[in-house]
Amino acid sequence: MTTQEVADQLVSLCREGSYEAAYNLYADDAVSIEMEGAPGEQITKGKENIWNGYQQWAEGIEEMHGGSVGNPVVAGNHFVVPMFMDATFKEHGRVTMDELCMYQVENGKIKQAQFFYEVP
């Protein structure tokens, strides 16, 4: 897949709530980088570990109030997607978060994901 095709597929799957399928777009040796100061691991290596981290994060959500996934902007083998979330977490209360999600594609798979947001 081209970078544009990966970007379009990721956005479509996230909008549908098909997160496991979205994480299958990651390479087996992918790396995920969170903002410094965010709870949990800052750098997670490996698709399985990234998926497990997502599941743990999702289990902490008590209620989703809304969210959105913007359109991807592609440049070379990178793309950026703006995302918004409004959720109540079991341990942290209600949180709204705007973030930019930047992805690097290699051989038709997401090789690196990095997320930019204000740490609540």
N, C-alpha and C. Protein backbone atom coordinates (compact mmCIF):
# COMPACT_ATOMS: atom_id res chain seq x y z
N MET A 1 0.84 -1.18 0.00
CA MET A 1 0.00 0.00 0.00
C MET A 1 0.89 1.25 0.00
N THR A 2 0.40 2.29 -0.64
CA THR A 2 1.09 3.57 -0.61
C THR A 2 0.82 4.25 0.73
N THR A 3 1.57 5.31 1.00
CA THR A 3 1.35 6.07 2.24
C THR A 3 -0.07 6.63 2.26
N GLN A 4 -0.55 7.13 1.14
CA GLN A 4 -1.92 7.67 1.07
C GLN A 4 -2.94 6.57 1.36
N GLU A 5 -2.73 5.39 0.82
CA GLU A 5 -3.67 4.28 1.06
C GLU A 5 -3.66 3.85 2.52
N VAL A 6 -2.49 3.79 3.14
CA VAL A 6 -2.41 3.46 4.57
C VAL A 6 -3.13 4.53 5.38
N ALA A 7 -2.88 5.79 5.05
CA ALA A 7 -3.52 6.89 5.77
C ALA A 7 -5.04 6.83 5.65
N ASP A 8 -5.53 6.64 4.44
CA ASP A 8 -6.99 6.57 4.22
C ASP A 8 -7.60 5.38 4.95
N GLN A 9 -6.91 4.26 4.93
CA GLN A 9 -7.41 3.04 5.60
C GLN A 9 -7.45 3.27 7.12
N LEU A 10 -6.38 3.84 7.68
CA LEU A 10 -6.34 4.08 9.12
C LEU A 10 -7.48 5.01 9.55
N VAL A 11 -7.66 6.09 8.83
CA VAL A 11 -8.73 7.05 9.16
C VAL A 11 -10.09 6.37 9.08
N SER A 12 -10.33 5.62 8.02
CA SER A 12 -11.61 4.92 7.85
C SER A 12 -11.87 3.95 9.00
N LEU A 13 -10.87 3.16 9.36
CA LEU A 13 -11.04 2.18 10.44
C LEU A 13 -11.26 2.87 11.79
N CYS A 14 -10.53 3.95 12.05
CA CYS A 14 -10.72 4.67 13.31
C CYS A 14 -12.10 5.29 13.39
N ARG A 15 -12.57 5.85 12.30
CA ARG A 15 -13.92 6.44 12.29
C ARG A 15 -14.99 5.39 12.52
N GLU A 16 -14.75 4.15 12.07
CA GLU A 16 -15.70 3.05 12.28
C GLU A 16 -15.59 2.45 13.68
N GLY A 17 -14.50 2.77 14.39
CA GLY A 17 -14.26 2.15 15.69
C GLY A 17 -13.64 0.77 15.57
N SER A 18 -13.07 0.46 14.42
CA SER A 18 -12.43 -0.84 14.18
C SER A 18 -10.94 -0.74 14.53
N TYR A 19 -10.67 -0.63 15.82
CA TYR A 19 -9.31 -0.33 16.27
C TYR A 19 -8.36 -1.50 16.10
N GLU A 20 -8.82 -2.72 16.31
CA GLU A 20 -7.92 -3.86 16.13
C GLU A 20 -7.47 -3.94 14.68
N ALA A 21 -8.38 -3.74 13.75
CA ALA A 21 -8.02 -3.73 12.33
C ALA A 21 -7.06 -2.58 12.03
N ALA A 22 -7.27 -1.44 12.67
CA ALA A 22 -6.37 -0.30 12.48
C ALA A 22 -4.96 -0.64 12.94
N TYR A 23 -4.84 -1.31 14.08
CA TYR A 23 -3.52 -1.68 14.58
C TYR A 23 -2.87 -2.76 13.72
N ASN A 24 -3.64 -3.48 12.92
CA ASN A 24 -3.06 -4.44 12.00
C ASN A 24 -2.36 -3.76 10.83
N LEU A 25 -2.52 -2.44 10.70
CA LEU A 25 -1.77 -1.69 9.69
C LEU A 25 -0.33 -1.43 10.14
N TYR A 26 -0.03 -1.71 11.40
CA TYR A 26 1.31 -1.49 11.94
C TYR A 26 2.23 -2.64 11.54
N ALA A 27 3.51 -2.33 11.33
CA ALA A 27 4.53 -3.35 11.12
C ALA A 27 4.76 -4.09 12.44
N ASP A 28 5.21 -5.34 12.35
CA ASP A 28 5.45 -6.12 13.57
C ASP A 28 6.45 -5.44 14.50
N ASP A 29 7.41 -4.72 13.92
CA ASP A 29 8.45 -4.06 14.73
C ASP A 29 8.21 -2.55 14.87
N ALA A 30 6.96 -2.13 14.76
CA ALA A 30 6.62 -0.71 14.85
C ALA A 30 6.99 -0.13 16.22
N VAL A 31 7.11 1.20 16.26
CA VAL A 31 7.41 1.93 17.48
C VAL A 31 6.34 2.99 17.66
N SER A 32 5.85 3.14 18.89
CA SER A 32 4.86 4.16 19.23
C SER A 32 5.45 5.07 20.30
N ILE A 33 5.37 6.39 20.07
CA ILE A 33 5.97 7.36 20.97
C ILE A 33 4.90 8.30 21.51
N GLU A 34 4.75 8.32 22.83
CA GLU A 34 3.80 9.21 23.50
C GLU A 34 4.53 10.46 23.99
N MET A 35 3.77 11.46 24.37
CA MET A 35 4.33 12.71 24.89
C MET A 35 5.02 12.46 26.23
N GLU A 36 6.10 13.17 26.46
CA GLU A 36 6.77 13.11 27.75
C GLU A 36 5.81 13.61 28.82
N GLY A 37 5.72 12.88 29.92
CA GLY A 37 4.81 13.24 31.01
C GLY A 37 3.48 12.53 30.96
N ALA A 38 3.20 11.84 29.85
CA ALA A 38 1.95 11.08 29.74
C ALA A 38 2.07 9.83 30.61
N PRO A 39 0.94 9.35 31.16
CA PRO A 39 1.00 8.13 31.97
C PRO A 39 1.42 6.93 31.12
N GLY A 40 2.09 5.98 31.73
CA GLY A 40 2.49 4.76 31.03
C GLY A 40 3.81 4.92 30.31
N GLU A 41 4.07 3.98 29.42
CA GLU A 41 5.32 3.98 28.65
C GLU A 41 5.36 5.14 27.68
N GLN A 42 6.52 5.74 27.54
CA GLN A 42 6.70 6.82 26.56
C GLN A 42 6.99 6.25 25.18
N ILE A 43 7.76 5.15 25.14
CA ILE A 43 8.10 4.49 23.88
C ILE A 43 7.72 3.02 24.00
N THR A 44 6.91 2.56 23.07
CA THR A 44 6.49 1.16 23.05
C THR A 44 6.95 0.55 21.74
N LYS A 45 7.59 -0.60 21.83
CA LYS A 45 8.13 -1.26 20.64
C LYS A 45 7.38 -2.56 20.38
N GLY A 46 7.03 -2.77 19.11
CA GLY A 46 6.37 -4.00 18.70
C GLY A 46 4.87 -3.85 18.61
N LYS A 47 4.30 -4.33 17.50
CA LYS A 47 2.86 -4.20 17.27
C LYS A 47 2.04 -4.80 18.41
N GLU A 48 2.42 -5.97 18.89
CA GLU A 48 1.66 -6.61 19.96
C GLU A 48 1.66 -5.77 21.23
N ASN A 49 2.81 -5.22 21.59
CA ASN A 49 2.91 -4.37 22.78
C ASN A 49 2.11 -3.08 22.61
N ILE A 50 2.14 -2.52 21.40
CA ILE A 50 1.37 -1.30 21.13
C ILE A 50 -0.12 -1.60 21.27
N TRP A 51 -0.58 -2.72 20.71
CA TRP A 51 -1.99 -3.12 20.82
C TRP A 51 -2.38 -3.33 22.28
N ASN A 52 -1.53 -4.03 23.04
CA ASN A 52 -1.81 -4.27 24.46
C ASN A 52 -1.91 -2.96 25.23
N GLY A 53 -1.04 -2.01 24.92
CA GLY A 53 -1.10 -0.70 25.56
C GLY A 53 -2.39 0.03 25.25
N TYR A 54 -2.83 -0.06 23.99
CA TYR A 54 -4.11 0.56 23.62
C TYR A 54 -5.26 -0.07 24.40
N GLN A 55 -5.27 -1.40 24.48
CA GLN A 55 -6.35 -2.09 25.20
C GLN A 55 -6.39 -1.66 26.67
N GLN A 56 -5.23 -1.56 27.28
CA GLN A 56 -5.17 -1.14 28.69
C GLN A 56 -5.71 0.28 28.83
N TRP A 57 -5.33 1.17 27.91
CA TRP A 57 -5.82 2.54 27.93
C TRP A 57 -7.34 2.56 27.76
N ALA A 58 -7.86 1.79 26.80
CA ALA A 58 -9.29 1.77 26.51
C ALA A 58 -10.10 1.22 27.68
N GLU A 59 -9.54 0.26 28.41
CA GLU A 59 -10.23 -0.30 29.58
C GLU A 59 -10.40 0.73 30.69
N GLY A 60 -9.59 1.78 30.67
CA GLY A 60 -9.69 2.83 31.68
C GLY A 60 -10.78 3.85 31.38
N ILE A 61 -11.42 3.74 30.21
CA ILE A 61 -12.48 4.68 29.84
C ILE A 61 -13.80 4.23 30.44
N GLU A 62 -14.40 5.12 31.17
CA GLU A 62 -15.71 4.86 31.77
C GLU A 62 -16.83 5.21 30.80
N GLU A 63 -16.68 6.36 30.11
CA GLU A 63 -17.72 6.80 29.17
C GLU A 63 -17.09 7.70 28.10
N MET A 64 -17.47 7.46 26.84
CA MET A 64 -17.05 8.33 25.74
C MET A 64 -18.16 9.33 25.48
N HIS A 65 -17.80 10.60 25.45
CA HIS A 65 -18.78 11.66 25.21
C HIS A 65 -18.74 12.15 23.77
N GLY A 66 -17.63 11.90 23.09
CA GLY A 66 -17.52 12.33 21.70
C GLY A 66 -16.09 12.25 21.23
N GLY A 67 -15.93 12.45 19.96
CA GLY A 67 -14.60 12.43 19.38
C GLY A 67 -14.68 12.57 17.88
N SER A 68 -13.53 12.79 17.28
CA SER A 68 -13.49 12.90 15.83
C SER A 68 -12.11 12.52 15.32
N VAL A 69 -12.09 12.13 14.06
CA VAL A 69 -10.86 11.79 13.36
C VAL A 69 -10.86 12.63 12.08
N GLY A 70 -9.88 13.51 11.96
CA GLY A 70 -9.80 14.39 10.80
C GLY A 70 -9.25 13.69 9.58
N ASN A 71 -9.09 14.45 8.52
CA ASN A 71 -8.55 13.93 7.27
C ASN A 71 -7.02 13.90 7.33
N PRO A 72 -6.42 12.89 6.73
CA PRO A 72 -4.96 12.80 6.76
C PRO A 72 -4.31 13.79 5.81
N VAL A 73 -3.13 14.27 6.22
CA VAL A 73 -2.28 15.08 5.36
C VAL A 73 -1.02 14.26 5.12
N VAL A 74 -0.73 13.96 3.86
CA VAL A 74 0.37 13.08 3.49
C VAL A 74 1.52 13.90 2.91
N ALA A 75 2.74 13.57 3.35
CA ALA A 75 3.96 14.16 2.78
C ALA A 75 5.01 13.06 2.71
N GLY A 76 5.32 12.62 1.52
CA GLY A 76 6.30 11.55 1.36
C GLY A 76 5.84 10.28 2.03
N ASN A 77 6.66 9.74 2.94
CA ASN A 77 6.27 8.51 3.63
C ASN A 77 5.72 8.78 5.04
N HIS A 78 5.27 10.01 5.27
CA HIS A 78 4.66 10.39 6.55
C HIS A 78 3.24 10.90 6.31
N PHE A 79 2.41 10.77 7.33
CA PHE A 79 1.11 11.43 7.31
C PHE A 79 0.72 11.82 8.73
N VAL A 80 -0.11 12.86 8.81
CA VAL A 80 -0.58 13.38 10.09
C VAL A 80 -2.10 13.38 10.07
N VAL A 81 -2.68 12.98 11.21
CA VAL A 81 -4.14 12.97 11.35
C VAL A 81 -4.49 13.69 12.66
N PRO A 82 -5.34 14.74 12.59
CA PRO A 82 -5.81 15.35 13.83
C PRO A 82 -6.92 14.49 14.42
N MET A 83 -6.88 14.31 15.74
CA MET A 83 -7.92 13.56 16.44
C MET A 83 -8.35 14.32 17.68
N PHE A 84 -9.60 14.15 18.04
CA PHE A 84 -10.17 14.78 19.23
C PHE A 84 -10.93 13.72 20.02
N MET A 85 -10.84 13.82 21.35
CA MET A 85 -11.54 12.88 22.21
C MET A 85 -12.08 13.61 23.43
N ASP A 86 -13.28 13.24 23.83
CA ASP A 86 -13.90 13.72 25.07
C ASP A 86 -14.40 12.48 25.79
N ALA A 87 -13.72 12.13 26.90
CA ALA A 87 -14.04 10.89 27.60
C ALA A 87 -13.88 11.06 29.10
N THR A 88 -14.62 10.24 29.84
CA THR A 88 -14.44 10.15 31.28
C THR A 88 -13.67 8.88 31.58
N PHE A 89 -12.54 9.05 32.28
CA PHE A 89 -11.70 7.92 32.66
C PHE A 89 -12.01 7.53 34.10
N LYS A 90 -11.92 6.25 34.37
CA LYS A 90 -12.22 5.73 35.71
C LYS A 90 -11.38 6.40 36.79
N GLU A 91 -10.11 6.65 36.51
CA GLU A 91 -9.23 7.18 37.54
C GLU A 91 -8.91 8.66 37.38
N HIS A 92 -9.22 9.26 36.23
CA HIS A 92 -8.79 10.64 35.99
C HIS A 92 -9.94 11.60 35.73
N GLY A 93 -11.17 11.12 35.71
CA GLY A 93 -12.30 11.99 35.43
C GLY A 93 -12.41 12.32 33.95
N ARG A 94 -13.16 13.38 33.67
CA ARG A 94 -13.43 13.75 32.28
C ARG A 94 -12.24 14.51 31.70
N VAL A 95 -11.88 14.10 30.49
CA VAL A 95 -10.73 14.68 29.81
C VAL A 95 -11.11 14.94 28.36
N THR A 96 -10.77 16.14 27.86
CA THR A 96 -10.86 16.41 26.43
C THR A 96 -9.43 16.52 25.91
N MET A 97 -9.21 15.99 24.73
CA MET A 97 -7.85 15.99 24.21
C MET A 97 -7.86 16.16 22.70
N ASP A 98 -7.14 17.18 22.25
CA ASP A 98 -6.84 17.37 20.84
C ASP A 98 -5.42 16.87 20.62
N GLU A 99 -5.22 16.09 19.58
CA GLU A 99 -3.86 15.62 19.32
C GLU A 99 -3.60 15.54 17.82
N LEU A 100 -2.33 15.60 17.50
CA LEU A 100 -1.87 15.33 16.15
C LEU A 100 -1.15 13.99 16.20
N CYS A 101 -1.56 13.09 15.34
CA CYS A 101 -0.99 11.75 15.28
C CYS A 101 -0.17 11.67 14.00
N MET A 102 1.14 11.50 14.15
CA MET A 102 2.02 11.45 13.00
C MET A 102 2.52 10.02 12.79
N TYR A 103 2.44 9.57 11.56
CA TYR A 103 2.80 8.20 11.23
C TYR A 103 3.86 8.18 10.13
N GLN A 104 4.76 7.22 10.24
CA GLN A 104 5.75 6.97 9.20
C GLN A 104 5.44 5.60 8.59
N VAL A 105 5.38 5.53 7.28
CA VAL A 105 5.05 4.29 6.58
C VAL A 105 6.30 3.76 5.89
N GLU A 106 6.48 2.45 6.03
CA GLU A 106 7.59 1.77 5.38
C GLU A 106 7.08 0.43 4.86
N ASN A 107 7.29 0.14 3.60
CA ASN A 107 6.84 -1.11 2.99
C ASN A 107 5.35 -1.37 3.20
N GLY A 108 4.54 -0.31 3.09
CA GLY A 108 3.09 -0.46 3.19
C GLY A 108 2.54 -0.66 4.58
N LYS A 109 3.37 -0.47 5.60
CA LYS A 109 2.94 -0.63 7.00
C LYS A 109 3.38 0.58 7.82
N ILE A 110 2.67 0.84 8.91
CA ILE A 110 3.06 1.91 9.81
C ILE A 110 4.27 1.44 10.61
N LYS A 111 5.37 2.14 10.44
CA LYS A 111 6.63 1.77 11.10
C LYS A 111 6.79 2.54 12.41
N GLN A 112 6.28 3.78 12.44
CA GLN A 112 6.37 4.58 13.66
C GLN A 112 5.14 5.46 13.78
N ALA A 113 4.66 5.59 15.01
CA ALA A 113 3.55 6.49 15.33
C ALA A 113 4.01 7.38 16.47
N GLN A 114 3.75 8.68 16.33
CA GLN A 114 4.12 9.61 17.39
C GLN A 114 2.95 10.56 17.59
N PHE A 115 2.66 10.83 18.86
CA PHE A 115 1.46 11.58 19.21
C PHE A 115 1.83 12.87 19.93
N PHE A 116 1.21 13.97 19.50
CA PHE A 116 1.49 15.30 20.04
C PHE A 116 0.21 15.88 20.64
N TYR A 117 0.26 16.19 21.93
CA TYR A 117 -0.89 16.72 22.64
C TYR A 117 -0.42 17.33 23.96
N GLU A 118 -1.30 18.10 24.58
CA GLU A 118 -1.03 18.63 25.90
C GLU A 118 -1.33 17.53 26.91
N VAL A 119 -0.40 17.24 27.78
CA VAL A 119 -0.62 16.21 28.80
C VAL A 119 -1.54 16.79 29.85
N PRO A 120 -2.72 16.16 30.05
CA PRO A 120 -3.68 16.70 31.04
C PRO A 120 -3.17 16.59 32.47
